Amino acid sequence: MNNENTAGACLQSPQDCQKLAEMLFPHVEKSPADYEALYPPRPLPEGAKVTRLGPSPTGFIHLGNLFGAFADERLAHQSGGVFLLRIEDTDDKRYVEGATAIIIDSLRFFGINFDEGATPDGEKGAYGSYTQSQRGPVYQCFAKKLVAEGQAYPCFLTEAEIGEIRAEQEAAKLTPGIYGKWARSRSLSLAEISQKLAAGLPYVIRLRSDGDMSLPEEQIRRFEIEDAIRGKLSMPVNDQDTVLLKANGIPTYHFAHVVDDHLMRTTHVVRGAEWLPSLPIHIELFEKLGWQPPVYCHTAQLMKIGEDGNKRKLSKRKDPELSLDYYRRLGYHPAAVREYLLTILNSNFEEWRLANPEADIDEFAFTTEKMSNSGALFDLAKLNDVSKEVLLHISAADLADFLLAWAKEFRPELVSATSFFADRAYLERVLDIGRAGSKPRKDHIYAQQMVENISYFFDDMFTVEEEMPAEAAADAAEIISRYLASYDHADDQETWFGKIRQIAADLGYAAKPKDYKKNPQDYKGHVGHVSTVIRIALMGRSQSPDVWEIQQILGESRTRERLSRFA
């Protein structure tokens, strides 16, 4: 294939390039130097990192956003740097009203706080605007610079022509795109461009790429870059005349993020591995604009084990757990989600946590070197296990506060129509049950499940969910009757259980399960079946924390009342 016009220099003279820039951008008033002065290097300590999160305002904030934001936040704040939020809304087709507030609120819930950028009440920081749709003059200024230096040009190809080019390339099994001989507007003279502009023909501004696809593979020019996660990368230089400004003057992501990262003085860019194929374009843009690129940190894609047992990407369509709203609605504590994400983000975190079980998570030294460069496996079951451990270290008072805040947003009827939050001291005792001692219970995972776990403590939420055990069902009323007759709320735990053993023995049940196991023909069942009858009468379920401790929280009156229903 003949790859024409791939030279980086402008086809016209430098004077023509300058005239073309003025012709295309007569309204651009500021110079690049003006913007460099407006956004000077930040006065930060040596080694301080400046990171940014740049979501699109689509209304869908997902786990991948949080995954990257957590890395951004740790890198910036552990180094005494700055973490900013930039709203990348150049794709107006995907814009959703109110999405920015959703993004900020969702991330703030999980402990991600920004030093600069977009906020629900406007913007804060000296490097704004932090909303790309408000930065049009900035992008046009630097597009003008590239045109004036012969590094970019107006392209008048129509959608139909581009479609024909794509079909021709596909038929010839060539890489699709606008480059070489396909970049027909590259060779236009200043006079020809003037005629097309005068005729009102629409155009985009394209980068004049340096790559040459006509060369044998071994002669293709490459560049090297050090990725903070993946190490040294060697890639072919960009060979596509990618669009910088669309026909409506709005920049593409490629151009906008390069300009913004430079002017906002971003030092580290954390983004997904799906952006690796675009890296040559971005590096070329930094070079042609004369800027030092930031340190790129390409994270592993979030994966899960599919139904077929194989790893696959988390999918917006298939996996509800990809959405942050999933965790908020169920009521996962943000501390638990943060803890779990660190187990994915840094391979040495779990070892650190074992050595520092009581330490604040912020004491962990997060590094990009310990981040995986292959698929990061997301495991909901492991998140639940981590959550159980984290919630064990949160006080009952703080758990009660968390539950109340969650219920107000997602279960308002719990606040307005039940007794769940009526007695704060009672609720805290309930939440604390079984959590002391050398082998504490780890029952709590998330708010919805916590409410279900402890609902039997509240009379207006109490329901009998299970049937009496088959071995003792026929004697259930007699067991409860004898239990009530012997019940003394002041009994210690040993005395209390001794009475249950006696009831079991008197009614023909083995006082010890092992006796029943050895000689099942001699007994109706064992003491465990008898105590399960009592447990179901009190809690409505066969599995629960220690019955004696539950009775101490329920109080004598409520305990007797519940038992009496079954006597």
Protein backbone atom coordinates (compact mmCIF):
# COMPACT_ATOMS: atom_id res chain seq x y z
CA MET A 1 0.00 0.00 0.00
CA ASN A 2 1.28 3.45 -0.84
CA ASN A 3 1.20 5.46 2.40
CA GLU A 4 1.23 9.03 1.13
CA ASN A 5 1.67 12.24 3.09
CA THR A 6 2.75 10.75 6.39
CA ALA A 7 5.38 13.37 7.14
CA GLY A 8 4.80 15.36 10.29
CA ALA A 9 5.52 18.69 8.64
CA CYS A 10 2.79 20.81 7.10
CA LEU A 11 2.36 20.34 3.32
CA GLN A 12 2.12 24.12 2.90
CA SER A 13 4.80 26.57 3.97
CA PRO A 14 5.01 27.61 7.64
CA GLN A 15 3.41 30.90 6.57
CA ASP A 16 0.48 29.03 5.01
CA CYS A 17 0.06 26.96 8.16
CA GLN A 18 -0.10 30.14 10.23
CA LYS A 19 -2.63 31.67 7.83
CA LEU A 20 -4.70 28.48 8.01
CA ALA A 21 -4.71 28.60 11.81
CA GLU A 22 -5.95 32.20 11.76
CA MET A 23 -8.54 31.29 9.15
CA LEU A 24 -9.91 28.40 11.23
CA PHE A 25 -9.70 30.04 14.64
CA PRO A 26 -10.17 33.81 14.19
CA HIS A 27 -12.05 34.02 17.50
CA VAL A 28 -9.27 32.51 19.65
CA GLU A 29 -7.94 35.36 21.74
CA LYS A 30 -5.59 33.74 24.27
CA SER A 31 -2.26 32.16 23.41
CA PRO A 32 -0.83 28.94 24.83
CA ALA A 33 1.47 31.08 26.95
CA ASP A 34 -1.56 32.80 28.48
CA TYR A 35 -2.97 29.46 29.62
CA GLU A 36 0.41 28.31 30.92
CA ALA A 37 0.49 31.43 33.07
CA LEU A 38 -3.14 30.98 34.13
CA TYR A 39 -2.48 27.40 35.26
CA PRO A 40 1.10 27.42 36.59
CA PRO A 41 2.91 24.44 38.13
CA ARG A 42 1.41 23.67 41.52
CA PRO A 43 3.33 24.71 44.64
CA LEU A 44 3.44 21.22 46.14
CA PRO A 45 6.13 19.38 48.13
CA GLU A 46 8.61 17.13 46.33
CA GLY A 47 7.01 13.82 45.41
CA ALA A 48 3.43 15.04 45.84
CA LYS A 49 1.10 13.48 43.29
CA VAL A 50 -1.79 15.14 41.50
CA THR A 51 -4.46 12.67 40.39
CA ARG A 52 -7.87 13.06 38.84
CA LEU A 53 -11.04 11.13 38.28
CA GLY A 54 -12.73 11.95 34.99
CA PRO A 55 -16.11 10.22 34.77
CA SER A 56 -18.68 10.86 32.07
CA PRO A 57 -21.99 12.17 33.46
CA THR A 58 -24.09 9.24 32.30
CA GLY A 59 -25.91 8.64 35.59
CA PHE A 60 -24.26 5.23 36.01
CA ILE A 61 -21.46 5.13 38.58
CA HIS A 62 -19.89 1.71 38.84
CA LEU A 63 -17.40 -0.35 40.79
CA GLY A 64 -14.67 0.36 38.25
CA ASN A 65 -15.04 4.09 38.97
CA LEU A 66 -14.68 3.44 42.70
CA PHE A 67 -11.76 1.05 42.08
CA GLY A 68 -9.85 3.74 40.18
CA ALA A 69 -10.94 6.56 42.47
CA PHE A 70 -9.66 4.74 45.51
CA ALA A 71 -6.25 4.34 43.87
CA ASP A 72 -6.29 8.02 42.83
CA GLU A 73 -7.23 9.15 46.32
CA ARG A 74 -4.58 7.03 48.05
CA LEU A 75 -1.79 8.14 45.70
CA ALA A 76 -2.63 11.82 46.11
CA HIS A 77 -3.36 11.99 49.82
CA GLN A 78 -0.56 9.70 50.97
CA SER A 79 1.92 11.92 49.15
CA GLY A 80 0.52 15.26 50.30
CA GLY A 81 -0.83 15.95 46.83
CA VAL A 82 -4.16 16.84 45.24
CA PHE A 83 -7.07 14.70 44.06
CA LEU A 84 -9.54 16.40 41.72
CA LEU A 85 -12.82 15.56 40.02
CA ARG A 86 -13.14 16.50 36.37
CA ILE A 87 -16.43 15.98 34.56
CA GLU A 88 -15.72 14.75 31.05
CA ASP A 89 -18.96 15.64 29.30
CA THR A 90 -17.82 16.19 25.72
CA ASP A 91 -20.10 13.38 24.52
CA ASP A 92 -23.44 15.19 24.76
CA LYS A 93 -25.32 12.10 23.53
CA ARG A 94 -24.53 10.30 26.79
CA TYR A 95 -25.21 13.24 29.11
CA VAL A 96 -27.80 12.63 31.86
CA GLU A 97 -29.25 15.53 33.86
CA GLY A 98 -28.19 15.40 37.51
CA ALA A 99 -25.52 12.77 36.86
CA THR A 100 -22.72 14.88 38.35
CA ALA A 101 -24.50 15.03 41.71
CA ILE A 102 -25.02 11.25 41.57
CA ILE A 103 -21.31 10.70 40.93
CA ILE A 104 -20.21 12.96 43.79
CA ASP A 105 -22.78 11.59 46.24
CA SER A 106 -22.00 7.95 45.44
CA LEU A 107 -18.24 8.37 45.76
CA ARG A 108 -18.53 10.47 48.92
CA PHE A 109 -20.61 7.70 50.51
CA PHE A 110 -17.69 5.32 50.04
CA GLY A 111 -15.21 7.76 51.55
CA ILE A 112 -13.85 9.26 48.34
CA ASN A 113 -13.42 12.99 48.86
CA PHE A 114 -11.97 15.45 46.36
CA ASP A 115 -9.70 18.41 47.05
CA GLU A 116 -10.69 20.23 43.87
CA GLY A 117 -13.12 20.07 41.02
CA ALA A 118 -16.82 19.81 40.45
CA THR A 119 -19.10 19.85 43.50
CA PRO A 120 -22.90 19.89 43.86
CA ASP A 121 -22.63 23.60 44.66
CA GLY A 122 -20.30 24.61 41.85
CA GLU A 123 -16.55 24.24 41.52
CA LYS A 124 -13.64 24.69 43.88
CA GLY A 125 -10.01 25.10 42.96
CA ALA A 126 -7.79 27.38 40.91
CA TYR A 127 -7.41 25.11 37.87
CA GLY A 128 -10.98 25.13 36.56
CA SER A 129 -13.27 24.96 34.94
CA TYR A 130 -13.34 21.28 35.89
CA THR A 131 -16.19 20.59 33.46
CA GLN A 132 -14.90 19.96 29.95
CA SER A 133 -17.94 21.43 28.20
CA GLN A 134 -17.00 24.76 29.80
CA ARG A 135 -13.42 24.69 28.50
CA GLY A 136 -14.03 25.10 24.75
CA PRO A 137 -11.75 28.14 24.26
CA VAL A 138 -8.87 26.27 25.94
CA TYR A 139 -9.04 23.35 23.54
CA GLN A 140 -9.46 25.60 20.52
CA CYS A 141 -6.36 27.55 21.50
CA PHE A 142 -4.20 24.43 21.48
CA ALA A 143 -5.85 23.06 18.33
CA LYS A 144 -4.92 26.36 16.69
CA LYS A 145 -1.32 25.89 17.87
CA LEU A 146 -1.14 22.43 16.28
CA VAL A 147 -2.60 23.70 12.99
CA ALA A 148 -0.19 26.65 12.97
CA GLU A 149 2.74 24.25 13.42
CA GLY A 150 1.53 21.89 10.70
CA GLN A 151 0.69 19.14 13.19
CA ALA A 152 -3.07 19.19 12.55
CA TYR A 153 -5.35 19.96 9.64
CA PRO A 154 -9.03 20.42 8.72
CA CYS A 155 -10.58 17.25 7.28
CA PHE A 156 -13.63 17.59 5.03
CA LEU A 157 -14.42 13.90 4.59
CA THR A 158 -18.16 13.23 4.82
CA GLU A 159 -19.70 10.37 6.77
CA ALA A 160 -20.49 8.67 3.47
CA GLU A 161 -16.88 8.97 2.31
CA ILE A 162 -15.59 7.61 5.61
CA GLY A 163 -18.02 4.71 5.28
CA GLU A 164 -16.68 3.95 1.79
CA ILE A 165 -13.09 4.09 3.07
CA ARG A 166 -13.93 1.71 5.89
CA ALA A 167 -15.59 -0.75 3.50
CA GLU A 168 -12.61 -0.63 1.15
CA GLN A 169 -10.19 -1.20 4.04
CA GLU A 170 -12.22 -4.10 5.40
CA ALA A 171 -12.35 -5.71 1.98
CA ALA A 172 -8.55 -5.45 1.73
CA LYS A 173 -8.16 -6.63 5.35
CA LEU A 174 -6.43 -3.39 6.30
CA THR A 175 -6.53 -1.54 9.59
CA PRO A 176 -9.56 0.76 9.51
CA GLY A 177 -9.08 4.48 9.99
CA ILE A 178 -7.97 7.71 8.37
CA TYR A 179 -4.25 7.61 7.58
CA GLY A 180 -1.89 7.69 4.63
CA LYS A 181 -3.70 7.82 1.30
CA TRP A 182 -7.04 7.66 3.09
CA ALA A 183 -6.29 11.02 4.73
CA ARG A 184 -7.34 12.90 1.61
CA SER A 185 -7.61 16.32 3.23
CA ARG A 186 -3.93 16.23 4.20
CA SER A 187 -2.86 17.29 0.73
CA LEU A 188 -5.27 20.18 0.30
CA SER A 189 -3.67 23.53 -0.47
CA LEU A 190 -4.52 26.66 1.42
CA ALA A 191 -6.53 27.86 -1.60
CA GLU A 192 -8.53 24.62 -1.74
CA ILE A 193 -9.25 24.78 1.98
CA SER A 194 -10.37 28.40 1.60
CA GLN A 195 -12.82 27.39 -1.14
CA LYS A 196 -14.31 24.62 0.99
CA LEU A 197 -14.67 26.93 3.98
CA ALA A 198 -16.30 29.56 1.81
CA ALA A 199 -18.75 26.92 0.60
CA GLY A 200 -19.68 26.19 4.22
CA LEU A 201 -18.55 22.56 4.13
CA PRO A 202 -18.35 20.97 7.59
CA TYR A 203 -14.98 19.74 8.81
CA VAL A 204 -13.17 18.26 11.77
CA ILE A 205 -9.65 18.95 12.96
CA ARG A 206 -7.41 15.89 12.70
CA LEU A 207 -3.97 15.18 14.08
CA ARG A 208 -1.31 14.75 11.41
CA SER A 209 0.13 11.46 12.69
CA ASP A 210 3.79 10.51 12.38
CA GLY A 211 3.35 6.75 11.97
CA ASP A 212 3.86 5.01 8.65
CA MET A 213 1.82 1.83 8.16
CA SER A 214 3.44 1.08 4.81
CA LEU A 215 6.72 0.08 6.43
CA PRO A 216 7.58 -3.54 7.21
CA GLU A 217 6.79 -4.39 10.80
CA GLU A 218 10.45 -4.47 11.82
CA GLN A 219 10.91 -0.91 10.54
CA ILE A 220 7.87 0.61 12.24
CA ARG A 221 8.98 3.24 14.71
CA ARG A 222 8.22 2.43 18.36
CA PHE A 223 8.27 4.31 21.63
CA GLU A 224 8.88 3.18 25.17
CA ILE A 225 7.14 4.35 28.31
CA GLU A 226 7.24 3.28 31.93
CA ASP A 227 3.80 2.33 33.21
CA ALA A 228 3.65 2.53 37.01
CA ILE A 229 1.74 -0.76 37.19
CA ARG A 230 2.89 -2.68 34.11
CA GLY A 231 6.50 -1.58 33.93
CA LYS A 232 8.20 -0.73 30.65
CA LEU A 233 5.89 -0.74 27.62
CA SER A 234 7.10 -0.73 24.01
CA MET A 235 4.48 0.19 21.41
CA PRO A 236 4.34 1.34 17.78
CA VAL A 237 3.93 5.09 17.42
CA ASN A 238 0.49 6.35 16.47
CA ASP A 239 -0.36 6.07 12.78
CA GLN A 240 -3.96 7.33 12.85
CA ASP A 241 -5.02 10.87 11.97
CA THR A 242 -7.37 10.89 14.93
CA VAL A 243 -9.99 13.59 15.32
CA LEU A 244 -9.08 16.33 17.81
CA LEU A 245 -12.07 18.66 17.37
CA LYS A 246 -15.42 17.44 16.05
CA ALA A 247 -17.42 19.39 13.47
CA ASN A 248 -19.27 21.22 16.26
CA GLY A 249 -15.99 22.36 17.81
CA ILE A 250 -16.24 19.95 20.75
CA PRO A 251 -13.01 18.07 21.48
CA THR A 252 -12.67 14.32 21.51
CA TYR A 253 -11.64 12.57 24.71
CA HIS A 254 -8.14 12.03 23.32
CA PHE A 255 -7.48 15.75 22.86
CA ALA A 256 -9.39 17.11 25.84
CA HIS A 257 -7.79 14.87 28.44
CA VAL A 258 -4.27 15.62 27.21
CA VAL A 259 -4.82 19.38 27.38
CA ASP A 260 -6.54 19.17 30.75
CA ASP A 261 -4.03 16.83 32.35
CA HIS A 262 -1.24 19.19 31.39
CA LEU A 263 -2.91 22.41 32.48
CA MET A 264 -4.29 20.90 35.70
CA ARG A 265 -0.76 19.61 36.32
CA THR A 266 -1.82 15.99 36.69
CA THR A 267 1.18 13.82 37.60
CA HIS A 268 -0.43 10.34 37.61
CA VAL A 269 -3.29 9.03 35.50
CA VAL A 270 -5.00 5.90 36.83
CA ARG A 271 -7.22 4.29 34.23
CA GLY A 272 -8.34 0.89 32.98
CA ALA A 273 -6.36 -1.38 30.68
CA GLU A 274 -8.94 -0.76 27.93
CA TRP A 275 -7.17 2.58 27.31
CA LEU A 276 -3.81 0.97 26.45
CA PRO A 277 -4.54 0.89 22.67
CA SER A 278 -5.07 4.68 22.80
CA LEU A 279 -1.78 5.36 24.56
CA PRO A 280 0.20 5.99 21.32
CA ILE A 281 -2.25 8.76 20.37
CA HIS A 282 -1.95 10.38 23.77
CA ILE A 283 1.83 10.19 23.87
CA GLU A 284 2.05 11.72 20.39
CA LEU A 285 -0.22 14.56 21.45
CA PHE A 286 1.91 15.30 24.51
CA GLU A 287 5.03 15.30 22.35
CA LYS A 288 3.58 17.56 19.66
CA LEU A 289 2.29 20.00 22.24
CA GLY A 290 5.73 20.03 23.85
CA TRP A 291 4.62 18.68 27.21
CA GLN A 292 5.84 16.00 29.59
CA PRO A 293 3.21 13.23 29.81
CA PRO A 294 1.98 12.16 33.24
CA VAL A 295 2.81 8.78 34.74
CA TYR A 296 0.24 6.37 33.36
CA CYS A 297 -1.09 3.62 35.64
CA HIS A 298 -3.17 1.16 33.64
CA THR A 299 -5.13 -0.96 36.08
CA ALA A 300 -6.29 -4.53 35.59
CA GLN A 301 -9.86 -5.05 34.43
CA LEU A 302 -12.35 -6.17 37.06
CA MET A 303 -13.24 -9.80 36.45
CA LYS A 304 -15.53 -12.37 38.02
CA ILE A 305 -15.97 -16.12 37.79
CA GLY A 306 -18.88 -16.77 35.43
CA GLU A 307 -21.42 -19.55 35.61
CA ASP A 308 -19.19 -21.67 33.37
CA GLY A 309 -16.34 -21.42 35.89
CA ASN A 310 -14.24 -19.14 33.69
CA LYS A 311 -13.16 -15.55 34.31
CA ARG A 312 -14.99 -12.81 32.46
CA LYS A 313 -15.32 -9.05 32.64
CA LEU A 314 -17.93 -7.60 34.97
CA SER A 315 -20.86 -6.61 32.77
CA LYS A 316 -23.30 -3.73 33.23
CA ARG A 317 -26.00 -5.89 31.63
CA LYS A 318 -25.32 -9.18 33.46
CA ASP A 319 -23.95 -8.15 36.85
CA PRO A 320 -25.98 -5.89 39.15
CA GLU A 321 -23.01 -5.81 41.54
CA LEU A 322 -21.12 -3.64 39.04
CA SER A 323 -23.28 -0.65 40.01
CA LEU A 324 -22.42 1.22 43.21
CA ASP A 325 -26.14 1.60 43.76
CA TYR A 326 -26.26 -2.16 44.41
CA TYR A 327 -24.07 -1.77 47.51
CA ARG A 328 -25.85 1.32 48.74
CA ARG A 329 -29.30 -0.22 48.49
CA LEU A 330 -28.25 -3.37 50.32
CA GLY A 331 -26.40 -1.24 52.84
CA TYR A 332 -22.80 -2.36 52.65
CA HIS A 333 -20.77 -0.25 55.05
CA PRO A 334 -18.33 1.96 53.12
CA ALA A 335 -15.50 0.86 55.40
CA ALA A 336 -16.10 -2.76 54.37
CA VAL A 337 -16.10 -1.93 50.65
CA ARG A 338 -12.91 0.12 51.00
CA GLU A 339 -11.23 -2.69 52.92
CA TYR A 340 -12.20 -5.22 50.29
CA LEU A 341 -11.07 -3.04 47.38
CA LEU A 342 -7.63 -2.78 48.94
CA THR A 343 -7.36 -6.57 48.93
CA ILE A 344 -7.78 -6.36 45.14
CA LEU A 345 -5.73 -3.21 44.60
CA ASN A 346 -2.58 -4.16 46.52
CA SER A 347 -1.33 -7.72 46.79
CA ASN A 348 0.31 -7.11 50.17
CA PHE A 349 -2.70 -5.59 51.90
CA GLU A 350 -4.07 -8.78 53.45
CA GLU A 351 -0.67 -9.61 54.92
CA TRP A 352 -0.50 -6.10 56.35
CA ARG A 353 -3.99 -6.42 57.82
CA LEU A 354 -3.11 -9.70 59.57
CA ALA A 355 -0.14 -7.96 61.17
CA ASN A 356 -2.17 -4.84 62.01
CA PRO A 357 -5.72 -6.01 62.81
CA GLU A 358 -6.72 -2.85 64.67
CA ALA A 359 -4.93 -0.28 62.49
CA ASP A 360 -6.73 2.40 60.52
CA ILE A 361 -6.87 1.52 56.84
CA ASP A 362 -5.23 4.84 55.97
CA GLU A 363 -2.05 3.68 57.69
CA PHE A 364 -1.48 1.14 54.92
CA ALA A 365 1.14 2.33 52.41
CA PHE A 366 -0.60 2.00 49.06
CA THR A 367 1.68 1.63 46.02
CA THR A 368 1.19 1.14 42.30
CA GLU A 369 4.00 -1.46 42.33
CA LYS A 370 1.75 -3.87 44.24
CA MET A 371 -1.16 -3.51 41.82
CA SER A 372 -1.98 -6.42 39.53
CA ASN A 373 -1.48 -6.00 35.79
CA SER A 374 -3.70 -8.97 34.96
CA GLY A 375 -7.41 -9.38 35.61
CA ALA A 376 -8.43 -8.32 39.13
CA LEU A 377 -10.90 -10.92 40.38
CA PHE A 378 -13.97 -9.50 42.09
CA ASP A 379 -15.55 -12.00 44.49
CA LEU A 380 -18.82 -11.04 46.20
CA ALA A 381 -18.46 -13.89 48.70
CA LYS A 382 -15.07 -12.57 49.75
CA LEU A 383 -16.49 -9.06 50.08
CA ASN A 384 -19.08 -10.52 52.46
CA ASP A 385 -16.37 -12.21 54.51
CA VAL A 386 -14.36 -9.00 54.67
CA SER A 387 -17.51 -7.10 55.64
CA LYS A 388 -18.18 -9.47 58.55
CA GLU A 389 -14.69 -8.82 59.87
CA VAL A 390 -14.86 -5.05 59.38
CA LEU A 391 -18.28 -4.68 61.02
CA LEU A 392 -17.00 -6.61 64.03
CA HIS A 393 -14.61 -3.71 64.68
CA ILE A 394 -17.29 -1.02 64.39
CA SER A 395 -19.03 -0.12 67.64
CA ALA A 396 -22.72 -0.88 68.12
CA ALA A 397 -23.37 2.86 68.45
CA ASP A 398 -21.78 3.55 65.07
CA LEU A 399 -23.61 0.61 63.49
CA ALA A 400 -26.89 2.00 64.81
CA ASP A 401 -26.09 5.38 63.26
CA PHE A 402 -25.24 3.71 59.96
CA LEU A 403 -28.44 1.65 59.98
CA LEU A 404 -30.56 4.71 60.68
CA ALA A 405 -28.98 6.71 57.84
CA TRP A 406 -29.43 3.77 55.48
CA ALA A 407 -33.04 3.16 56.53
CA LYS A 408 -34.01 6.81 56.03
CA GLU A 409 -32.88 6.55 52.41
CA PHE A 410 -33.78 2.98 51.45
CA ARG A 411 -36.21 1.61 54.09
CA PRO A 412 -38.09 4.64 55.45
CA GLU A 413 -40.90 2.43 56.78
CA LEU A 414 -38.45 1.02 59.33
CA VAL A 415 -38.17 4.50 60.80
CA SER A 416 -41.79 5.58 60.55
CA ALA A 417 -43.83 2.39 60.92
CA THR A 418 -41.88 0.00 63.17
CA SER A 419 -40.30 0.00 66.60
CA PHE A 420 -36.86 -0.80 65.16
CA PHE A 421 -35.32 2.58 66.06
CA ALA A 422 -37.66 3.44 68.94
CA ASP A 423 -35.27 2.48 71.75
CA ARG A 424 -31.68 3.35 70.89
CA ALA A 425 -30.10 1.61 73.92
CA TYR A 426 -32.06 -1.58 73.18
CA LEU A 427 -30.99 -1.54 69.51
CA GLU A 428 -27.33 -1.17 70.49
CA ARG A 429 -27.56 -4.15 72.87
CA VAL A 430 -29.12 -6.19 70.09
CA LEU A 431 -26.39 -5.21 67.62
CA ASP A 432 -23.69 -6.14 70.13
CA ILE A 433 -24.98 -9.62 70.93
CA GLY A 434 -22.34 -12.32 70.60
CA ARG A 435 -19.60 -9.93 69.51
CA ALA A 436 -17.47 -10.14 72.69
CA GLY A 437 -15.05 -12.83 73.81
CA SER A 438 -12.26 -14.73 72.08
CA LYS A 439 -14.57 -16.25 69.46
CA PRO A 440 -17.05 -13.51 68.56
CA ARG A 441 -19.93 -14.11 66.19
CA LYS A 442 -19.50 -12.55 62.76
CA ASP A 443 -23.10 -12.41 61.61
CA HIS A 444 -23.44 -8.94 60.12
CA ILE A 445 -22.69 -8.27 56.43
CA TYR A 446 -24.79 -5.34 55.24
CA ALA A 447 -27.74 -3.28 56.50
CA GLN A 448 -30.57 -5.19 54.80
CA GLN A 449 -29.22 -8.47 56.12
CA MET A 450 -28.62 -6.99 59.59
CA VAL A 451 -32.25 -5.92 59.82
CA GLU A 452 -33.35 -9.41 58.80
CA ASN A 453 -30.91 -10.95 61.31
CA ILE A 454 -32.27 -9.09 64.31
CA SER A 455 -35.90 -8.38 63.36
CA TYR A 456 -37.17 -10.99 65.87
CA PHE A 457 -36.09 -8.72 68.72
CA PHE A 458 -38.92 -6.33 67.83
CA ASP A 459 -42.47 -7.47 68.55
CA ASP A 460 -44.02 -5.74 65.53
CA MET A 461 -41.48 -7.45 63.23
CA PHE A 462 -41.44 -10.87 64.90
CA THR A 463 -42.64 -13.79 62.78
CA VAL A 464 -42.27 -17.55 63.13
CA GLU A 465 -40.26 -18.51 60.06
CA GLU A 466 -39.57 -22.20 60.74
CA GLU A 467 -41.44 -25.29 61.93
CA MET A 468 -40.61 -27.11 65.13
CA PRO A 469 -38.02 -29.89 64.75
CA ALA A 470 -39.67 -33.15 63.76
CA GLU A 471 -38.05 -35.00 66.68
CA ALA A 472 -39.77 -32.75 69.25
CA ALA A 473 -42.80 -31.31 67.42
CA ALA A 474 -45.28 -33.57 69.22
CA ASP A 475 -43.98 -32.41 72.62
CA ALA A 476 -43.55 -28.71 71.71
CA ALA A 477 -46.42 -27.42 73.85
CA GLU A 478 -45.33 -29.55 76.83
CA ILE A 479 -41.70 -28.46 76.49
CA ILE A 480 -42.69 -24.78 76.47
CA SER A 481 -45.10 -25.28 79.36
CA ARG A 482 -42.44 -26.95 81.54
CA TYR A 483 -39.87 -24.35 80.48
CA LEU A 484 -42.17 -21.52 81.54
CA ALA A 485 -42.88 -23.20 84.87
CA SER A 486 -39.16 -23.47 85.64
CA TYR A 487 -38.12 -20.14 84.11
CA ASP A 488 -36.29 -17.68 86.36
CA HIS A 489 -34.94 -14.62 84.58
CA ALA A 490 -32.24 -14.28 87.24
CA ASP A 491 -30.72 -17.70 86.49
CA ASP A 492 -27.12 -17.67 85.29
CA GLN A 493 -26.37 -19.44 82.05
CA GLU A 494 -25.28 -22.72 83.63
CA THR A 495 -28.36 -22.99 85.85
CA TRP A 496 -30.61 -22.03 82.93
CA PHE A 497 -29.27 -24.75 80.64
CA GLY A 498 -29.34 -27.33 83.47
CA LYS A 499 -33.12 -26.87 83.66
CA ILE A 500 -33.43 -27.51 79.90
CA ARG A 501 -31.43 -30.73 80.25
CA GLN A 502 -33.76 -31.83 83.02
CA ILE A 503 -36.86 -31.11 80.92
CA ALA A 504 -35.32 -33.09 78.06
CA ALA A 505 -34.53 -36.07 80.29
CA ASP A 506 -37.98 -36.04 81.93
CA LEU A 507 -39.67 -36.16 78.50
CA GLY A 508 -37.52 -38.98 77.13
CA TYR A 509 -34.84 -37.04 75.27
CA ALA A 510 -31.10 -37.62 75.67
CA ALA A 511 -29.54 -35.02 77.96
CA LYS A 512 -26.46 -35.08 75.72
CA PRO A 513 -26.43 -35.31 71.90
CA LYS A 514 -23.67 -37.93 71.94
CA ASP A 515 -25.89 -40.28 73.95
CA TYR A 516 -28.59 -40.02 71.31
CA LYS A 517 -26.06 -40.59 68.54
CA LYS A 518 -24.87 -43.81 70.20
CA ASN A 519 -28.33 -45.19 71.00
CA PRO A 520 -30.99 -43.36 68.97
CA GLN A 521 -33.52 -46.11 69.60
CA ASP A 522 -33.55 -45.27 73.32
CA TYR A 523 -34.64 -41.62 72.96
CA LYS A 524 -37.14 -39.39 71.17
CA GLY A 525 -34.31 -37.02 70.31
CA HIS A 526 -31.75 -35.05 72.29
CA VAL A 527 -31.48 -31.84 74.31
CA GLY A 528 -30.61 -29.89 71.14
CA HIS A 529 -34.05 -30.66 69.71
CA VAL A 530 -35.68 -29.51 72.94
CA SER A 531 -33.71 -26.25 73.02
CA THR A 532 -34.58 -25.65 69.35
CA VAL A 533 -38.28 -25.75 70.30
CA ILE A 534 -37.60 -22.98 72.82
CA ARG A 535 -35.47 -21.06 70.30
CA ILE A 536 -38.21 -21.11 67.65
CA ALA A 537 -40.83 -20.03 70.18
CA LEU A 538 -38.67 -17.05 71.15
CA MET A 539 -37.06 -16.09 67.83
CA GLY A 540 -39.13 -17.78 65.15
CA ARG A 541 -36.04 -19.43 63.72
CA SER A 542 -33.75 -22.35 64.54
CA GLN A 543 -30.45 -20.49 64.13
CA SER A 544 -29.56 -17.54 66.33
CA PRO A 545 -27.05 -16.36 68.92
CA ASP A 546 -27.14 -17.81 72.44
CA VAL A 547 -30.74 -18.12 73.71
CA TRP A 548 -29.87 -17.18 77.30
CA GLU A 549 -28.22 -13.94 76.12
CA ILE A 550 -31.18 -13.18 73.86
CA GLN A 551 -33.57 -13.59 76.79
CA GLN A 552 -31.50 -11.13 78.83
CA ILE A 553 -32.00 -8.52 76.11
CA LEU A 554 -35.67 -9.34 75.48
CA GLY A 555 -36.40 -9.04 79.20
CA GLU A 556 -38.56 -11.32 81.34
CA SER A 557 -41.92 -9.89 80.33
CA ARG A 558 -41.33 -10.16 76.57
CA THR A 559 -39.75 -13.62 76.99
CA ARG A 560 -42.74 -15.01 78.90
CA GLU A 561 -45.22 -13.43 76.52
CA ARG A 562 -43.65 -15.06 73.47
CA LEU A 563 -43.33 -18.45 75.11
CA SER A 564 -46.96 -18.34 76.28
CA ARG A 565 -48.16 -18.35 72.66
CA PHE A 566 -46.86 -21.89 72.28
CA ALA A 567 -47.64 -23.35 75.72
